[in-house]
Amino acid sequence: MSIVIPERASAVIIGGGVIGLEYAIMFATLGVRVTVVDGRERLLEFVDPEIVNALMFHARSLGMVFRLGEDVIGIDRIRDNRIALKYPVADKIAIHDACYLGRYNQVYQPPRDICRSVPGTQLKETERNRDRGFCCGGGGGRMWLHENLGQNINVVRAREMANTGVDLIGTACPYCLVMLDDGVKSLELEKPPKVADIIDIVADSLG
């Protein structure tokens, strides 16, 4: 089986961890112009600096570009119409504010701007949102634990969001994605809302 890479193909890898770098180098080896963006000033902090420098030297020889100490908080090409979202993905969407993106970094509006750009979509808010948002239940390692007292936090949050009557719940955190999806399934609703990453919502709308 052969893989054909379109001419001048490019990719942006957000996050320069082990998995991110593995994918980045794989794409670069195939001829894709890769940019790695990471909020840390140094990659792979748990690895010997000489090894990291050697890895980055090799990566740059493949044409890779590193932008360290930077965070991605939005997709500007959507706002200035350089990326046009064409297809509706849901009638009503609610945004779950991930703790790290929201309360830690005060990033609330970009996910909403993106979802408002989806044709035919109405954005709805839960009572607890933005800086008064509610955790998905995955913080502090709780994602891997089972609650034995009271209600599971992810079920509480999933119920809050489902009660808005939305068809789709969007979030920008992989932990929130898993926790809310499990929470929605636990509600056993006749027509449960789907849970999706913001970037997957964009991809679906692009078609």
Protein backbone atom coordinates (compact mmCIF):
# COMPACT_ATOMS: atom_id res chain seq x y z
CA MET A 1 0.00 0.00 0.00
CA SER A 2 1.39 3.40 -0.95
CA ILE A 3 0.58 6.73 0.70
CA VAL A 4 0.23 9.77 -1.54
CA ILE A 5 0.88 13.10 0.18
CA PRO A 6 -0.70 16.12 -1.56
CA GLU A 7 1.82 18.67 -2.83
CA ARG A 8 2.64 21.34 -0.23
CA ALA A 9 0.71 19.46 2.47
CA SER A 10 1.20 20.93 5.92
CA ALA A 11 0.17 20.06 9.47
CA VAL A 12 0.22 21.69 12.88
CA ILE A 13 0.77 19.42 15.88
CA ILE A 14 -0.46 21.03 19.10
CA GLY A 15 1.47 19.57 22.00
CA GLY A 16 5.04 18.34 21.84
CA GLY A 17 4.76 15.35 24.14
CA VAL A 18 5.89 11.85 23.26
CA ILE A 19 2.84 11.05 21.13
CA GLY A 20 2.74 14.48 19.50
CA LEU A 21 6.40 14.27 18.47
CA GLU A 22 5.95 10.71 17.23
CA TYR A 23 3.18 11.81 14.87
CA ALA A 24 5.05 14.98 13.90
CA ILE A 25 8.21 13.12 12.86
CA MET A 26 6.15 10.47 11.06
CA PHE A 27 4.38 13.13 8.96
CA ALA A 28 7.61 15.06 8.36
CA THR A 29 9.30 11.86 7.14
CA LEU A 30 6.49 11.52 4.59
CA GLY A 31 7.18 15.02 3.29
CA VAL A 32 4.55 17.00 5.20
CA ARG A 33 5.59 20.45 6.43
CA VAL A 34 5.05 20.13 10.18
CA THR A 35 4.88 22.83 12.85
CA VAL A 36 4.90 21.76 16.50
CA VAL A 37 3.33 24.18 18.99
CA ASP A 38 3.81 23.68 22.72
CA GLY A 39 3.22 25.97 25.70
CA ARG A 40 6.39 24.79 27.42
CA GLU A 41 9.77 26.37 26.76
CA ARG A 42 11.42 22.95 26.53
CA LEU A 43 10.17 19.68 25.10
CA LEU A 44 10.28 16.36 26.95
CA GLU A 45 11.45 17.83 30.25
CA PHE A 46 11.88 14.37 31.74
CA VAL A 47 14.46 13.40 29.08
CA ASP A 48 18.18 14.25 29.09
CA PRO A 49 18.66 17.66 27.36
CA GLU A 50 21.34 16.27 25.02
CA ILE A 51 18.92 13.64 23.75
CA VAL A 52 16.20 16.26 23.23
CA ASN A 53 18.63 18.52 21.34
CA ALA A 54 19.65 15.63 19.10
CA LEU A 55 16.00 14.79 18.45
CA MET A 56 15.16 18.41 17.57
CA PHE A 57 18.22 18.62 15.29
CA HIS A 58 16.97 15.57 13.41
CA ALA A 59 13.42 16.95 13.30
CA ARG A 60 14.60 20.28 11.89
CA SER A 61 16.58 18.40 9.22
CA LEU A 62 13.21 17.05 8.10
CA GLY A 63 11.89 20.61 7.80
CA MET A 64 9.98 20.69 11.08
CA VAL A 65 9.41 24.01 12.83
CA PHE A 66 9.07 24.34 16.62
CA ARG A 67 7.10 27.15 18.28
CA LEU A 68 7.70 26.76 21.99
CA GLY A 69 6.26 28.86 24.80
CA GLU A 70 3.10 29.48 22.77
CA ASP A 71 -0.50 28.39 23.32
CA VAL A 72 -3.23 27.82 20.74
CA ILE A 73 -6.50 29.39 21.86
CA GLY A 74 -8.46 29.71 18.62
CA ILE A 75 -8.61 29.19 14.88
CA ASP A 76 -8.34 32.68 13.39
CA ARG A 77 -9.01 31.48 9.86
CA ILE A 78 -12.57 30.72 10.87
CA ARG A 79 -13.10 34.24 12.18
CA ASP A 80 -11.81 35.95 9.05
CA ASN A 81 -13.62 33.46 6.76
CA ARG A 82 -10.44 31.89 5.35
CA ILE A 83 -11.91 28.59 6.56
CA ALA A 84 -15.61 28.47 5.73
CA LEU A 85 -17.72 26.02 7.71
CA LYS A 86 -20.35 24.72 5.32
CA TYR A 87 -22.43 21.95 6.86
CA PRO A 88 -24.65 21.95 9.97
CA VAL A 89 -23.72 19.39 12.61
CA ALA A 90 -26.46 20.01 15.20
CA ASP A 91 -29.41 22.31 15.84
CA LYS A 92 -28.28 23.26 19.35
CA ILE A 93 -24.82 23.11 20.91
CA ALA A 94 -23.69 23.72 24.48
CA ILE A 95 -20.05 24.32 25.41
CA HIS A 96 -18.53 22.63 28.45
CA ASP A 97 -15.70 24.85 29.71
CA ALA A 98 -12.73 22.63 30.44
CA CYS A 99 -11.04 23.65 33.71
CA TYR A 100 -7.51 23.96 32.31
CA LEU A 101 -8.54 26.01 29.28
CA GLY A 102 -11.12 28.05 31.17
CA ARG A 103 -10.47 28.74 34.82
CA TYR A 104 -6.70 28.26 34.57
CA ASN A 105 -6.13 30.20 31.34
CA GLN A 106 -9.28 32.34 31.08
CA VAL A 107 -10.07 31.09 27.56
CA TYR A 108 -13.85 31.03 27.18
CA GLN A 109 -14.85 32.87 24.02
CA PRO A 110 -12.88 31.13 21.20
CA PRO A 111 -14.72 27.77 21.48
CA ARG A 112 -18.03 29.65 21.38
CA ASP A 113 -16.97 31.72 18.38
CA ILE A 114 -16.04 28.56 16.52
CA CYS A 115 -19.35 26.83 17.25
CA ARG A 116 -21.33 29.96 16.33
CA SER A 117 -19.65 29.75 12.91
CA VAL A 118 -21.29 26.37 12.23
CA PRO A 119 -24.27 26.99 9.90
CA GLY A 120 -27.74 26.48 11.34
CA THR A 121 -26.51 26.08 14.90
CA GLN A 122 -27.85 27.77 18.03
CA LEU A 123 -25.45 28.06 20.94
CA LYS A 124 -26.98 27.50 24.39
CA GLU A 125 -25.42 28.00 27.82
CA THR A 126 -25.76 25.98 30.98
CA GLU A 127 -26.47 27.79 34.22
CA ARG A 128 -22.92 27.07 35.37
CA ASN A 129 -20.59 28.30 32.64
CA ARG A 130 -17.35 30.18 31.99
CA ASP A 131 -15.59 31.16 35.26
CA ARG A 132 -18.49 29.63 37.21
CA GLY A 133 -18.40 26.41 35.23
CA PHE A 134 -18.55 22.92 36.73
CA CYS A 135 -15.86 20.23 36.45
CA CYS A 136 -16.43 17.15 34.29
CA GLY A 137 -15.27 14.98 37.18
CA GLY A 138 -11.94 13.98 35.61
CA GLY A 139 -9.72 16.37 37.55
CA GLY A 140 -7.30 15.26 40.23
CA GLY A 141 -7.05 11.77 38.78
CA ARG A 142 -10.73 11.08 39.40
CA MET A 143 -11.03 9.89 35.81
CA TRP A 144 -9.48 6.57 36.85
CA LEU A 145 -11.39 6.17 40.12
CA HIS A 146 -14.90 4.98 40.93
CA GLU A 147 -17.05 7.10 43.23
CA ASN A 148 -18.70 5.22 46.08
CA LEU A 149 -20.46 8.12 47.78
CA GLY A 150 -23.11 10.42 46.40
CA GLN A 151 -23.46 11.09 42.67
CA ASN A 152 -20.67 10.85 40.14
CA ILE A 153 -19.56 14.35 39.15
CA ASN A 154 -19.59 13.55 35.45
CA VAL A 155 -23.21 12.39 35.69
CA VAL A 156 -24.20 15.59 37.49
CA ARG A 157 -22.53 17.70 34.80
CA ALA A 158 -23.92 15.60 31.95
CA ARG A 159 -27.44 16.01 33.36
CA GLU A 160 -26.99 19.79 33.59
CA MET A 161 -25.97 19.93 29.96
CA ALA A 162 -28.63 17.52 28.72
CA ASN A 163 -31.29 19.58 30.49
CA THR A 164 -30.53 22.49 28.14
CA GLY A 165 -32.14 20.47 25.35
CA VAL A 166 -29.07 20.51 23.11
CA ASP A 167 -28.20 17.92 20.47
CA LEU A 168 -24.45 18.26 20.91
CA ILE A 169 -22.04 19.02 23.75
CA GLY A 170 -18.72 20.50 22.68
CA THR A 171 -15.52 20.62 24.70
CA ALA A 172 -11.80 21.11 24.13
CA CYS A 173 -10.35 18.59 26.57
CA PRO A 174 -9.86 14.84 26.02
CA TYR A 175 -10.62 14.09 29.68
CA CYS A 176 -13.87 16.08 29.56
CA LEU A 177 -14.76 14.29 26.34
CA VAL A 178 -14.52 10.85 27.97
CA MET A 179 -16.12 11.87 31.27
CA LEU A 180 -19.10 13.64 29.69
CA ASP A 181 -19.67 10.88 27.15
CA ASP A 182 -19.80 8.32 29.96
CA GLY A 183 -22.03 10.65 31.98
CA VAL A 184 -24.52 11.11 29.15
CA LYS A 185 -24.70 7.34 28.58
CA SER A 186 -25.41 6.83 32.29
CA LEU A 187 -28.48 9.07 32.03
CA GLU A 188 -30.14 6.54 29.69
CA LEU A 189 -32.05 9.26 27.83
CA GLU A 190 -34.30 8.49 24.88
CA LYS A 191 -32.48 11.07 22.74
CA PRO A 192 -29.16 11.79 24.45
CA PRO A 193 -26.93 14.60 23.17
CA LYS A 194 -23.71 13.62 21.49
CA VAL A 195 -20.37 14.73 22.94
CA ALA A 196 -17.62 15.95 20.60
CA ASP A 197 -14.30 17.74 20.60
CA ILE A 198 -14.47 21.28 19.19
CA ILE A 199 -11.99 20.42 16.44
CA ASP A 200 -14.13 17.41 15.41
CA ILE A 201 -17.13 19.73 15.17
CA VAL A 202 -15.07 21.89 12.79
CA ALA A 203 -14.02 18.86 10.76
CA ASP A 204 -17.62 17.62 10.45
CA SER A 205 -18.79 21.06 9.34
CA LEU A 206 -16.07 21.24 6.70
CA GLY A 207 -17.32 17.96 5.27
